[in-house]
Structure formats: C-alpha cells, structure tokens
N, C-alpha and C. Protein backbone atom coordinates (compact mmCIF):
# COMPACT_ATOMS: atom_id res chain seq x y z
N MET A 1 0.74 -1.27 0.13
CA MET A 1 0.03 -0.09 -0.40
C MET A 1 0.94 1.14 -0.04
N ARG A 2 0.58 2.13 -1.09
CA ARG A 2 1.23 3.51 -0.97
C ARG A 2 1.19 4.37 0.25
N ARG A 3 2.04 5.06 0.77
CA ARG A 3 1.71 6.01 1.86
C ARG A 3 1.88 7.30 1.25
N VAL A 4 0.68 8.17 1.79
CA VAL A 4 1.07 9.26 0.97
C VAL A 4 0.62 10.70 2.12
N ILE A 5 1.25 11.85 1.94
CA ILE A 5 0.98 12.92 2.62
C ILE A 5 0.65 13.91 1.26
N THR A 6 0.28 14.94 1.68
CA THR A 6 -0.03 16.03 0.93
C THR A 6 0.53 17.52 1.35
N VAL A 7 1.03 17.97 0.43
CA VAL A 7 2.01 19.09 0.39
C VAL A 7 1.59 20.19 -0.70
N ASN A 8 0.93 21.27 0.07
CA ASN A 8 0.24 22.33 -0.75
C ASN A 8 -0.34 21.72 -1.56
N GLY A 9 -1.45 20.74 -1.53
CA GLY A 9 -2.21 20.14 -2.45
C GLY A 9 -1.64 19.07 -3.09
N GLU A 10 -0.74 18.79 -3.19
CA GLU A 10 -0.15 17.83 -4.15
C GLU A 10 0.42 16.41 -3.36
N PRO A 11 -0.03 15.36 -3.95
CA PRO A 11 0.50 14.26 -3.22
C PRO A 11 1.93 13.86 -3.30
N VAL A 12 2.64 13.54 -2.04
CA VAL A 12 3.96 13.18 -1.77
C VAL A 12 3.93 12.06 -1.39
N GLU A 13 5.05 11.02 -1.84
CA GLU A 13 5.28 9.54 -1.03
C GLU A 13 5.71 9.96 0.29
N TRP A 14 5.30 9.28 1.22
CA TRP A 14 5.37 9.42 2.84
C TRP A 14 6.40 8.34 2.98
N ARG A 15 7.64 8.48 3.78
CA ARG A 15 8.49 7.58 4.36
C ARG A 15 8.76 7.75 5.67
N GLU A 16 8.92 6.57 6.71
CA GLU A 16 8.88 6.29 8.12
C GLU A 16 10.11 7.33 8.18
N GLY A 17 9.75 8.33 9.29
CA GLY A 17 10.96 9.09 10.03
C GLY A 17 10.88 10.70 9.05
N MET A 18 10.41 10.74 8.01
CA MET A 18 10.42 11.93 7.38
C MET A 18 10.06 13.06 8.60
N THR A 19 10.96 14.34 8.00
CA THR A 19 10.48 15.51 8.86
C THR A 19 10.38 16.48 8.16
N VAL A 20 9.93 17.56 8.87
CA VAL A 20 9.59 19.03 8.01
C VAL A 20 10.75 19.51 7.11
N ARG A 21 12.10 19.05 7.68
CA ARG A 21 13.09 19.51 6.74
C ARG A 21 13.29 18.76 5.84
N ASP A 22 13.01 17.52 5.83
CA ASP A 22 13.25 16.63 4.49
C ASP A 22 12.32 16.86 3.52
N ILE A 23 10.96 17.65 3.72
CA ILE A 23 9.86 17.70 2.69
C ILE A 23 10.66 19.06 2.21
N LEU A 24 11.12 20.14 3.18
CA LEU A 24 11.94 21.30 2.28
C LEU A 24 12.86 21.05 1.37
N ARG A 25 13.84 20.02 1.87
CA ARG A 25 15.03 19.88 0.83
C ARG A 25 14.32 19.00 -0.24
N GLU A 26 13.44 17.90 -0.33
CA GLU A 26 13.27 17.48 -1.28
C GLU A 26 12.40 18.02 -2.36
N ARG A 27 11.32 19.08 -1.57
CA ARG A 27 10.58 20.10 -2.87
C ARG A 27 11.61 21.28 -3.18
N LYS A 28 12.56 21.47 -2.97
CA LYS A 28 13.67 22.27 -3.10
C LYS A 28 13.07 23.72 -2.99
N TYR A 29 12.41 24.11 -1.40
CA TYR A 29 12.13 25.09 -1.06
C TYR A 29 13.15 25.62 -0.19
N SER A 30 13.54 26.90 -0.89
CA SER A 30 14.63 27.63 -0.09
C SER A 30 14.57 29.19 -0.05
N PHE A 31 13.33 29.48 -0.03
CA PHE A 31 12.80 30.83 0.37
C PHE A 31 13.14 31.33 2.08
N PRO A 32 13.92 32.11 2.18
CA PRO A 32 14.16 32.08 3.63
C PRO A 32 13.17 32.45 4.74
N LEU A 33 11.82 32.84 4.38
CA LEU A 33 10.83 33.00 5.28
C LEU A 33 9.88 31.97 4.79
N LEU A 34 9.82 31.03 5.59
CA LEU A 34 8.44 30.02 5.39
C LEU A 34 7.79 29.88 6.47
N ILE A 35 6.51 29.23 6.38
CA ILE A 35 5.66 29.15 7.32
C ILE A 35 5.24 27.88 7.14
N VAL A 36 5.48 26.72 8.11
CA VAL A 36 4.90 25.44 7.82
C VAL A 36 3.63 25.09 8.58
N ARG A 37 2.92 24.39 8.11
CA ARG A 37 1.85 23.81 9.04
C ARG A 37 1.47 22.58 8.58
N ILE A 38 1.35 21.79 9.72
CA ILE A 38 0.99 20.09 9.71
C ILE A 38 -0.38 20.22 10.04
N ASP A 39 -1.39 19.56 9.44
CA ASP A 39 -2.75 19.37 9.47
C ASP A 39 -3.40 20.74 10.37
N GLY A 40 -2.88 21.72 10.08
CA GLY A 40 -3.56 22.92 10.52
C GLY A 40 -2.75 23.59 11.53
N ARG A 41 -1.79 22.87 12.16
CA ARG A 41 -0.60 23.31 13.31
C ARG A 41 0.50 23.73 13.02
N LEU A 42 0.95 24.84 13.43
CA LEU A 42 2.11 25.75 13.09
C LEU A 42 3.21 25.05 13.61
N VAL A 43 4.31 24.65 12.67
CA VAL A 43 5.36 24.30 13.27
C VAL A 43 6.63 25.29 13.44
N GLU A 44 7.24 25.44 14.60
CA GLU A 44 8.23 26.09 14.75
C GLU A 44 9.48 26.19 13.97
N ARG A 45 10.16 27.17 13.36
CA ARG A 45 11.13 27.05 12.38
C ARG A 45 12.49 26.00 12.98
N THR A 46 12.50 26.48 14.47
CA THR A 46 13.71 25.64 15.20
C THR A 46 13.51 24.19 15.11
N ALA A 47 12.27 23.67 15.04
CA ALA A 47 11.63 22.44 15.37
C ALA A 47 11.57 21.62 13.51
N TYR A 48 11.90 22.53 12.81
CA TYR A 48 11.69 21.68 11.37
C TYR A 48 12.76 20.43 11.43
N ASP A 49 13.90 20.27 11.79
CA ASP A 49 14.63 18.97 11.64
C ASP A 49 14.16 17.78 12.75
N SER A 50 13.33 18.48 13.78
CA SER A 50 12.97 17.40 14.41
C SER A 50 11.48 16.94 14.63
N THR A 51 10.70 17.73 13.79
CA THR A 51 9.56 17.39 13.70
C THR A 51 9.06 16.57 12.63
N PRO A 52 8.41 15.23 13.39
CA PRO A 52 8.14 14.15 12.22
C PRO A 52 6.74 14.57 11.25
N VAL A 53 6.76 14.14 10.21
CA VAL A 53 5.62 14.15 9.24
C VAL A 53 4.73 13.04 9.41
N PRO A 54 3.39 12.90 10.11
CA PRO A 54 2.71 11.39 10.17
C PRO A 54 2.36 11.20 8.78
N ASP A 55 2.22 10.02 8.63
CA ASP A 55 1.40 9.49 7.20
C ASP A 55 -0.05 9.70 7.18
N GLY A 56 -0.16 10.47 6.08
CA GLY A 56 -1.96 10.80 5.84
C GLY A 56 -1.71 12.32 6.00
N SER A 57 -0.78 13.11 6.68
CA SER A 57 -1.00 14.56 6.90
C SER A 57 -1.28 15.40 5.81
N GLU A 58 -1.45 16.54 5.77
CA GLU A 58 -1.65 17.58 4.92
C GLU A 58 -0.56 18.47 5.60
N VAL A 59 0.35 18.96 4.79
CA VAL A 59 1.29 19.93 5.04
C VAL A 59 1.01 21.11 3.98
N ASP A 60 0.88 22.36 4.65
CA ASP A 60 1.13 23.58 3.99
C ASP A 60 2.34 24.32 4.24
N VAL A 61 2.86 24.76 3.05
CA VAL A 61 4.20 25.57 3.29
C VAL A 61 3.84 26.91 2.25
N LEU A 62 4.06 27.81 3.23
CA LEU A 62 3.64 29.30 2.65
C LEU A 62 5.06 30.17 2.60
N HIS A 63 5.11 31.10 1.66
CA HIS A 63 6.21 31.93 1.64
C HIS A 63 5.72 33.11 2.34
N LEU A 64 6.35 33.73 3.42
CA LEU A 64 6.02 35.02 3.73
C LEU A 64 6.82 36.22 2.93
N MET A 65 5.95 37.08 2.20
CA MET A 65 6.47 38.13 1.62
C MET A 65 5.97 39.51 2.31
N SER A 66 6.83 40.43 2.08
CA SER A 66 6.16 41.92 2.50
C SER A 66 6.40 42.86 1.41
N GLY A 67 5.99 43.74 1.63
CA GLY A 67 5.95 44.98 0.59
C GLY A 67 5.24 46.08 1.03
N GLY A 68 5.15 47.07 0.09
CA GLY A 68 4.79 48.42 0.74
C GLY A 68 4.15 49.23 -0.32
C-alpha cells in the first residue's frame, strides 16, 4: 500500500521518519521566510529538523512576503 502525504495540495510519497526539513529539501523550498503547518498546526522554524510528518498528513508550506 502506498503511503502519501499532501504538500500544498499535491500528493507526496511518505516514508518512515520523514521530517519537515526533509520535505523542504526534497521539494526544493529555499525561500528564507517560510511558514509550515501540519494538519493546520504551525511548526516552529527551530523544530523543522525534529518534527516528524505523520502518514496521511496535510502539509502547507507558505512563503512570507512583505511589500509596501
């Protein structure tokens, strides 16, 4: 059975031990100001390396921008 999470609405294959940092690297998110939510819960930037992403999760990666 294929195990999948959703990242910004797209299916992504899930694997045991996957962290937020893994998703950011694999999906090539390099923008310096990001917000990450797992199933609607905000993940602190300092916890990206240690926060596991559970199978079946919905992950949102948002770019912060400012302007004027």
